[in-house]
Amino acid sequence: MKKYETFSVEDFVMDDHFRDWVQGNINNETFWLAFMHQHPEKTDTIRQAERIIRAMNINPTPVSEQEVRAEVNQFMQQLQTLETSQPVRPMRRSWWWAAAAMVIMVGLGAAVFGLMRRPAEIVASKKPQPTKPAATAALAETVNSTSKTLKLVLSDGSTVHLGPSSALRYAPHFGSESRQVYLTGEAIFEVVHTSAPFLVYAGDVVTKVLGTSFVVRAYETDKKVTVQVRTGKVSVYREAESRKAGPRQHSGNSLNGFVLLPNQAAIYDKAIQQFTKTLVAKPVVIRPAEFVYDDTPLAEVLQQLQQAYGIHLQYDADAFTTCRITATFNDESLFEKLDLICKMVGGTYEIVDGQIVLNVRGC
């Protein structure tokens, strides 16, 4: 059994078992979660090694001995110019070690892991390309070329589930003023709450949050960009508006941006450069409730649905004061529940601006 508790960053980068886990092998998930729980002092070392592996995005195609020699020679020449007293571990003659050594050498200092030159060349040749990289700082990049979702943990502890054929560019270490990432494709974000706003740039759309869970879809070939909120609250707006007002000052309006609550979604049409506010296709329960009604007033039923799903239901309670419902709902979606209720009372509903408007003629 390997003594992982003694491993350095380089050791983790070179370890096949660790690399498999970082690259999405769920069979290793239990072991590494247990290891980090038992050895919290290794958390920083593991996170650093994880970022190196993701940023390297190593191409599995074998390289020649001549290329390996060239990498080693280049590393040794640059190493001689470094003014550092830290010892250097002996190198192994393999592509993994040559690439890892290059990353570690370039990454020394405040911009660690952000200036990986050889990995950047590898990633640059692949689709998709992330949107508009930041010009003020070196960014790490992860490209998911697999058919499965790839999990990333950012420096602030936020989690990104990067979809297939998607790319994310991000700072190896976020500053205290803001946290910015650049997405092409689709990703689920679970953002840790801090005082610094978290900004997702995708296409022409900026999504701003402090701490919440949401989904962004912005493939280059799609005609629209969508943002769907699971929990918390986000604001979305055009990047052009962000440049004019600044992300901290932008408040949003019906044409250029607005605030989204749980189960709400924004759809941005690239052709006409306008947003539409609506609901997600399958709203989820955010406050658990038992949907059992026995001769219950309709107004009370609708109020419980509103609280359970966090979606505003607009209706005229005076129009159906005598309406009462007897029903038991189990796994039906919100819209299925509303369909059944409307059949009972002879009503209809429609989605308007991220809300549900009910029209009931009376019972």
Protein backbone atom coordinates (compact mmCIF):
# COMPACT_ATOMS: atom_id res chain seq x y z
CA MET A 1 0.00 0.00 0.00
CA LYS A 2 1.41 3.37 -0.99
CA LYS A 3 2.05 5.87 1.79
CA TYR A 4 -0.01 8.70 0.29
CA GLU A 5 0.26 10.67 3.53
CA THR A 6 3.94 11.32 2.63
CA PHE A 7 3.28 12.29 -1.00
CA SER A 8 4.25 15.67 -2.41
CA VAL A 9 2.45 17.50 -5.21
CA GLU A 10 4.75 15.87 -7.78
CA ASP A 11 4.12 12.41 -6.32
CA PHE A 12 0.36 12.81 -6.64
CA VAL A 13 0.67 14.08 -10.22
CA MET A 14 2.70 10.98 -11.14
CA ASP A 15 0.40 8.49 -9.40
CA ASP A 16 -1.88 6.52 -11.77
CA HIS A 17 -4.50 5.84 -9.08
CA PHE A 18 -4.78 9.53 -8.22
CA ARG A 19 -4.87 10.64 -11.87
CA ASP A 20 -7.67 8.19 -12.63
CA TRP A 21 -9.76 9.69 -9.82
CA VAL A 22 -9.14 13.28 -10.93
CA GLN A 23 -10.12 12.35 -14.48
CA GLY A 24 -13.48 10.96 -13.38
CA ASN A 25 -13.01 7.33 -12.31
CA ILE A 26 -15.82 7.01 -9.77
CA ASN A 27 -14.47 3.67 -8.53
CA ASN A 28 -11.74 5.60 -6.72
CA GLU A 29 -14.13 8.18 -5.24
CA THR A 30 -14.65 6.45 -1.86
CA PHE A 31 -10.95 5.90 -1.25
CA TRP A 32 -9.89 9.50 -1.93
CA LEU A 33 -12.76 11.08 -0.01
CA ALA A 34 -11.89 8.88 2.98
CA PHE A 35 -8.19 9.71 2.62
CA MET A 36 -8.83 13.48 2.63
CA HIS A 37 -11.07 13.08 5.67
CA GLN A 38 -8.35 11.16 7.53
CA HIS A 39 -5.52 13.46 6.39
CA PRO A 40 -6.87 17.02 6.21
CA GLU A 41 -3.30 18.32 6.25
CA LYS A 42 -2.89 16.96 2.70
CA THR A 43 -5.89 18.83 1.29
CA ASP A 44 -3.87 21.73 -0.16
CA THR A 45 -1.32 19.36 -1.68
CA ILE A 46 -4.08 17.27 -3.28
CA ARG A 47 -5.88 20.32 -4.67
CA GLN A 48 -2.65 21.63 -6.19
CA ALA A 49 -1.93 18.29 -7.84
CA GLU A 50 -5.53 18.09 -9.04
CA ARG A 51 -5.30 21.51 -10.74
CA ILE A 52 -2.02 20.53 -12.41
CA ILE A 53 -3.56 17.37 -13.88
CA ARG A 54 -6.69 19.17 -15.10
CA ALA A 55 -4.75 22.09 -16.55
CA MET A 56 -2.26 19.80 -18.29
CA ASN A 57 -5.05 17.98 -20.16
CA ILE A 58 -2.45 15.45 -21.28
CA ASN A 59 -2.87 14.01 -24.76
CA PRO A 60 -2.71 10.18 -24.43
CA THR A 61 -0.91 9.84 -27.79
CA PRO A 62 2.66 8.53 -27.17
CA VAL A 63 5.54 10.83 -27.95
CA SER A 64 8.97 9.96 -29.24
CA GLU A 65 12.12 9.60 -27.18
CA GLN A 66 13.50 12.63 -29.00
CA GLU A 67 10.54 14.76 -27.86
CA VAL A 68 10.97 13.56 -24.29
CA ARG A 69 14.69 14.41 -24.37
CA ALA A 70 13.86 17.87 -25.73
CA GLU A 71 11.38 18.47 -22.89
CA VAL A 72 13.90 17.37 -20.27
CA ASN A 73 16.70 19.48 -21.72
CA GLN A 74 14.47 22.54 -21.91
CA PHE A 75 13.40 22.04 -18.31
CA MET A 76 16.99 21.67 -17.09
CA GLN A 77 18.08 24.83 -18.92
CA GLN A 78 15.25 26.86 -17.41
CA LEU A 79 15.76 25.31 -13.99
CA GLN A 80 19.34 26.65 -13.85
CA THR A 81 18.00 30.20 -14.11
CA LEU A 82 15.57 29.91 -11.20
CA GLU A 83 16.57 31.70 -8.06
CA THR A 84 15.18 29.27 -5.53
CA SER A 85 16.58 27.13 -2.78
CA GLN A 86 13.89 24.45 -3.00
CA PRO A 87 15.31 21.01 -3.88
CA VAL A 88 14.27 19.43 -7.16
CA ARG A 89 13.23 15.74 -7.20
CA PRO A 90 15.01 13.47 -9.72
CA MET A 91 13.03 13.19 -12.95
CA ARG A 92 11.73 10.04 -14.58
CA ARG A 93 12.10 9.58 -18.32
CA SER A 94 8.44 9.76 -19.35
CA TRP A 95 6.07 12.21 -20.95
CA TRP A 96 4.05 12.52 -17.73
CA TRP A 97 7.07 13.56 -15.72
CA ALA A 98 8.40 15.94 -18.38
CA ALA A 99 5.04 17.67 -18.62
CA ALA A 100 4.55 17.76 -14.87
CA ALA A 101 8.02 19.18 -14.33
CA MET A 102 7.36 21.91 -16.87
CA VAL A 103 4.11 22.82 -15.13
CA ILE A 104 5.67 22.90 -11.67
CA MET A 105 8.64 24.97 -12.85
CA VAL A 106 6.52 27.58 -14.62
CA GLY A 107 3.95 27.65 -11.84
CA LEU A 108 6.28 28.75 -9.01
CA GLY A 109 5.08 31.98 -7.40
CA ALA A 110 1.74 33.72 -7.14
CA ALA A 111 0.57 32.55 -10.58
CA VAL A 112 1.15 28.84 -9.84
CA PHE A 113 -0.49 26.50 -12.35
CA GLY A 114 -1.68 29.41 -14.48
CA LEU A 115 1.08 29.60 -17.09
CA MET A 116 1.25 26.02 -18.37
CA ARG A 117 2.70 26.56 -21.86
CA ARG A 118 2.84 23.04 -23.27
CA PRO A 119 -0.66 22.12 -21.98
CA ALA A 120 -2.04 25.33 -23.47
CA GLU A 121 -0.74 24.23 -26.88
CA ILE A 122 -2.42 20.86 -26.51
CA VAL A 123 -5.78 22.30 -25.45
CA ALA A 124 -5.72 25.05 -28.06
CA SER A 125 -5.90 22.47 -30.84
CA LYS A 126 -9.17 21.03 -29.55
CA LYS A 127 -12.78 22.15 -29.77
CA PRO A 128 -14.58 23.77 -28.05
CA GLN A 129 -12.69 26.98 -27.35
CA PRO A 130 -13.77 28.92 -24.21
CA THR A 131 -15.25 32.37 -24.63
CA LYS A 132 -13.22 35.57 -24.37
CA PRO A 133 -10.36 34.80 -21.94
CA ALA A 134 -9.48 37.41 -19.38
CA ALA A 135 -6.65 39.63 -20.49
CA THR A 136 -5.44 40.58 -17.02
CA ALA A 137 -4.42 37.20 -15.63
CA ALA A 138 -3.13 33.81 -16.69
CA LEU A 139 -5.94 31.26 -16.55
CA ALA A 140 -6.02 27.52 -16.20
CA GLU A 141 -8.26 25.63 -18.60
CA THR A 142 -10.12 22.35 -18.48
CA VAL A 143 -11.61 20.78 -21.61
CA ASN A 144 -13.99 17.86 -21.23
CA SER A 145 -13.54 15.79 -24.37
CA THR A 146 -15.29 12.76 -22.87
CA SER A 147 -18.94 11.70 -23.04
CA LYS A 148 -19.38 12.04 -19.27
CA THR A 149 -19.66 14.96 -16.88
CA LEU A 150 -16.35 16.04 -15.34
CA LYS A 151 -16.23 17.36 -11.78
CA LEU A 152 -13.97 20.32 -10.95
CA VAL A 153 -13.31 21.92 -7.56
CA LEU A 154 -12.20 25.55 -7.82
CA SER A 155 -9.86 27.31 -5.40
CA ASP A 156 -12.75 28.80 -3.37
CA GLY A 157 -14.34 25.37 -2.88
CA SER A 158 -17.03 25.91 -5.52
CA THR A 159 -17.85 22.84 -7.60
CA VAL A 160 -18.36 22.72 -11.36
CA HIS A 161 -19.83 19.72 -13.15
CA LEU A 162 -18.53 20.31 -16.68
CA GLY A 163 -20.64 18.73 -19.40
CA PRO A 164 -19.34 16.75 -22.40
CA SER A 165 -17.73 18.76 -25.22
CA SER A 166 -17.41 21.74 -22.87
CA ALA A 167 -14.53 23.94 -21.73
CA LEU A 168 -13.98 26.09 -18.66
CA ARG A 169 -11.27 28.71 -18.16
CA TYR A 170 -10.66 29.99 -14.62
CA ALA A 171 -8.09 31.57 -12.32
CA PRO A 172 -6.02 29.04 -10.34
CA HIS A 173 -6.56 31.29 -7.31
CA PHE A 174 -9.48 33.72 -7.08
CA GLY A 175 -8.93 37.26 -5.82
CA SER A 176 -10.88 38.93 -3.03
CA GLU A 177 -12.86 41.25 -5.34
CA SER A 178 -14.47 38.79 -7.74
CA ARG A 179 -14.41 35.22 -9.02
CA GLN A 180 -14.63 34.94 -12.81
CA VAL A 181 -14.86 31.89 -15.05
CA TYR A 182 -15.38 31.52 -18.81
CA LEU A 183 -17.57 28.73 -20.16
CA THR A 184 -18.18 27.22 -23.55
CA GLY A 185 -20.71 24.40 -23.49
CA GLU A 186 -22.73 23.36 -20.44
CA ALA A 187 -21.98 23.18 -16.72
CA ILE A 188 -23.71 22.92 -13.36
CA PHE A 189 -22.27 25.36 -10.81
CA GLU A 190 -22.49 24.92 -7.05
CA VAL A 191 -21.01 28.16 -5.78
CA VAL A 192 -19.69 28.63 -2.26
CA HIS A 193 -20.99 31.83 -0.67
CA THR A 194 -18.36 34.54 -0.11
CA SER A 195 -18.34 38.33 -0.23
CA ALA A 196 -16.83 38.22 -3.73
CA PRO A 197 -19.36 37.83 -6.57
CA PHE A 198 -19.01 34.77 -8.79
CA LEU A 199 -19.30 35.65 -12.51
CA VAL A 200 -19.82 33.15 -15.32
CA TYR A 201 -19.14 34.48 -18.82
CA ALA A 202 -20.84 32.32 -21.46
CA GLY A 203 -21.46 33.58 -24.99
CA ASP A 204 -22.73 37.15 -24.60
CA VAL A 205 -24.30 36.43 -21.21
CA VAL A 206 -22.97 37.09 -17.72
CA THR A 207 -24.42 35.24 -14.72
CA LYS A 208 -23.65 36.77 -11.35
CA VAL A 209 -24.14 35.08 -7.97
CA LEU A 210 -22.81 35.08 -4.42
CA GLY A 211 -23.62 31.48 -3.56
CA THR A 212 -26.12 29.17 -5.22
CA SER A 213 -26.65 26.27 -7.63
CA PHE A 214 -27.46 26.85 -11.28
CA VAL A 215 -26.97 25.51 -14.81
CA VAL A 216 -25.53 27.40 -17.79
CA ARG A 217 -25.73 26.12 -21.36
CA ALA A 218 -23.83 28.07 -24.03
CA TYR A 219 -22.54 25.90 -26.85
CA GLU A 220 -21.13 27.88 -29.75
CA THR A 221 -23.47 26.14 -32.21
CA ASP A 222 -26.61 26.88 -30.17
CA LYS A 223 -28.73 29.84 -31.16
CA LYS A 224 -29.58 30.56 -27.55
CA VAL A 225 -27.88 30.72 -24.14
CA THR A 226 -29.85 29.39 -21.17
CA VAL A 227 -29.41 29.86 -17.43
CA GLN A 228 -31.47 27.75 -15.02
CA VAL A 229 -31.51 28.31 -11.25
CA ARG A 230 -31.76 25.40 -8.85
CA THR A 231 -31.28 27.14 -5.52
CA GLY A 232 -30.55 30.69 -4.39
CA LYS A 233 -30.70 33.73 -6.64
CA VAL A 234 -28.72 34.92 -9.65
CA SER A 235 -28.72 37.93 -11.92
CA VAL A 236 -28.15 37.58 -15.66
CA TYR A 237 -27.36 40.25 -18.22
CA ARG A 238 -25.56 40.87 -21.47
CA GLU A 239 -21.80 41.20 -21.31
CA ALA A 240 -22.13 44.53 -23.14
CA GLU A 241 -24.20 45.83 -20.22
CA SER A 242 -21.58 44.54 -17.83
CA ARG A 243 -18.86 46.54 -19.58
CA LYS A 244 -20.94 49.73 -19.47
CA ALA A 245 -22.09 49.55 -15.86
CA GLY A 246 -19.69 47.09 -14.23
CA PRO A 247 -20.87 43.83 -12.64
CA ARG A 248 -21.29 45.33 -9.17
CA GLN A 249 -23.45 48.22 -10.35
CA HIS A 250 -25.62 46.40 -12.87
CA SER A 251 -29.18 45.91 -11.67
CA GLY A 252 -30.78 44.41 -14.79
CA ASN A 253 -34.07 45.15 -16.53
CA SER A 254 -36.66 43.35 -18.65
CA LEU A 255 -34.72 43.84 -21.89
CA ASN A 256 -31.09 43.42 -20.92
CA GLY A 257 -31.19 41.31 -17.75
CA PHE A 258 -32.97 40.44 -14.55
CA VAL A 259 -32.92 38.40 -11.35
CA LEU A 260 -33.72 34.68 -11.40
CA LEU A 261 -35.09 32.74 -8.43
CA PRO A 262 -35.26 28.94 -7.90
CA ASN A 263 -36.88 27.06 -10.79
CA GLN A 264 -36.71 30.13 -13.03
CA ALA A 265 -34.72 30.30 -16.25
CA ALA A 266 -33.42 32.92 -18.67
CA ILE A 267 -33.15 32.29 -22.41
CA TYR A 268 -30.95 34.66 -24.38
CA ASP A 269 -31.55 34.81 -28.13
CA LYS A 270 -28.21 35.57 -29.80
CA ALA A 271 -29.81 36.79 -33.04
CA ILE A 272 -31.98 39.52 -31.50
CA GLN A 273 -29.83 39.97 -28.34
CA GLN A 274 -32.76 39.78 -25.95
CA PHE A 275 -33.72 37.71 -22.91
CA THR A 276 -36.88 35.78 -22.16
CA LYS A 277 -37.68 34.94 -18.55
CA THR A 278 -39.49 31.66 -18.00
CA LEU A 279 -39.53 28.53 -15.82
CA VAL A 280 -37.33 25.44 -15.98
CA ALA A 281 -38.85 22.46 -17.79
CA LYS A 282 -39.06 20.39 -14.60
CA PRO A 283 -39.38 22.53 -11.45
CA VAL A 284 -38.10 20.78 -8.33
CA VAL A 285 -39.43 20.95 -4.79
CA ILE A 286 -37.29 23.28 -2.69
CA ARG A 287 -39.40 22.97 0.48
CA PRO A 288 -40.64 19.39 1.04
CA ALA A 289 -44.39 19.08 1.56
CA GLU A 290 -47.15 16.47 1.54
CA PHE A 291 -49.55 17.14 -1.29
CA VAL A 292 -52.59 15.54 0.30
CA TYR A 293 -55.86 17.48 0.15
CA ASP A 294 -59.21 16.58 1.61
CA ASP A 295 -61.88 19.10 0.74
CA THR A 296 -59.17 21.78 0.94
CA PRO A 297 -59.85 25.34 -0.29
CA LEU A 298 -58.21 25.93 -3.67
CA ALA A 299 -56.44 29.07 -2.43
CA GLU A 300 -54.75 27.01 0.29
CA VAL A 301 -53.66 24.36 -2.25
CA LEU A 302 -52.14 26.97 -4.53
CA GLN A 303 -50.34 28.66 -1.64
CA GLN A 304 -48.73 25.36 -0.64
CA LEU A 305 -47.60 24.70 -4.22
CA GLN A 306 -46.11 28.19 -4.37
CA GLN A 307 -44.12 27.64 -1.18
CA ALA A 308 -43.01 24.13 -2.14
CA TYR A 309 -41.64 25.12 -5.56
CA GLY A 310 -40.66 28.73 -4.84
CA ILE A 311 -42.61 29.88 -7.91
CA HIS A 312 -45.06 32.76 -7.69
CA LEU A 313 -48.62 31.77 -8.62
CA GLN A 314 -50.73 34.72 -9.67
CA TYR A 315 -54.51 34.32 -9.35
CA ASP A 316 -57.69 36.05 -8.20
CA ALA A 317 -58.63 34.29 -4.97
CA ASP A 318 -62.01 36.07 -4.87
CA ALA A 319 -63.01 34.32 -8.12
CA PHE A 320 -63.01 30.84 -6.56
CA THR A 321 -63.79 31.24 -2.86
CA THR A 322 -66.10 28.23 -3.02
CA CYS A 323 -63.63 25.93 -4.84
CA ARG A 324 -62.33 23.00 -2.81
CA ILE A 325 -59.97 20.17 -3.77
CA THR A 326 -59.78 16.53 -2.74
CA ALA A 327 -56.69 14.84 -4.17
CA THR A 328 -53.39 13.15 -3.34
CA PHE A 329 -50.30 13.91 -5.42
CA ASN A 330 -47.17 11.77 -5.36
CA ASP A 331 -44.56 11.90 -8.11
CA GLU A 332 -46.41 14.24 -10.45
CA SER A 333 -44.47 17.26 -11.70
CA LEU A 334 -45.67 20.75 -10.84
CA PHE A 335 -47.23 21.16 -14.28
CA GLU A 336 -48.98 17.79 -14.00
CA LYS A 337 -50.41 18.86 -10.64
CA LEU A 338 -51.66 22.11 -12.15
CA ASP A 339 -53.18 20.27 -15.13
CA LEU A 340 -55.18 18.03 -12.80
CA ILE A 341 -56.28 20.93 -10.61
CA CYS A 342 -57.40 22.94 -13.62
CA LYS A 343 -59.47 19.99 -14.85
CA MET A 344 -61.16 19.78 -11.45
CA VAL A 345 -62.13 23.46 -11.33
CA GLY A 346 -62.44 24.25 -15.04
CA GLY A 347 -59.46 26.57 -15.20
CA THR A 348 -56.30 27.21 -17.24
CA TYR A 349 -52.80 28.49 -16.56
CA GLU A 350 -49.92 30.04 -18.49
CA ILE A 351 -46.30 30.94 -17.80
CA VAL A 352 -45.61 34.66 -17.95
CA ASP A 353 -42.27 36.29 -17.04
CA GLY A 354 -41.14 33.42 -14.82
CA GLN A 355 -44.49 33.18 -13.01
CA ILE A 356 -47.61 31.05 -13.35
CA VAL A 357 -50.85 32.89 -14.01
CA LEU A 358 -54.05 30.93 -13.28
CA ASN A 359 -57.45 31.69 -14.69
CA VAL A 360 -60.32 30.02 -12.85
CA ARG A 361 -63.91 30.82 -13.76
CA GLY A 362 -65.27 29.58 -10.45
CA CYS A 363 -66.65 26.30 -9.14
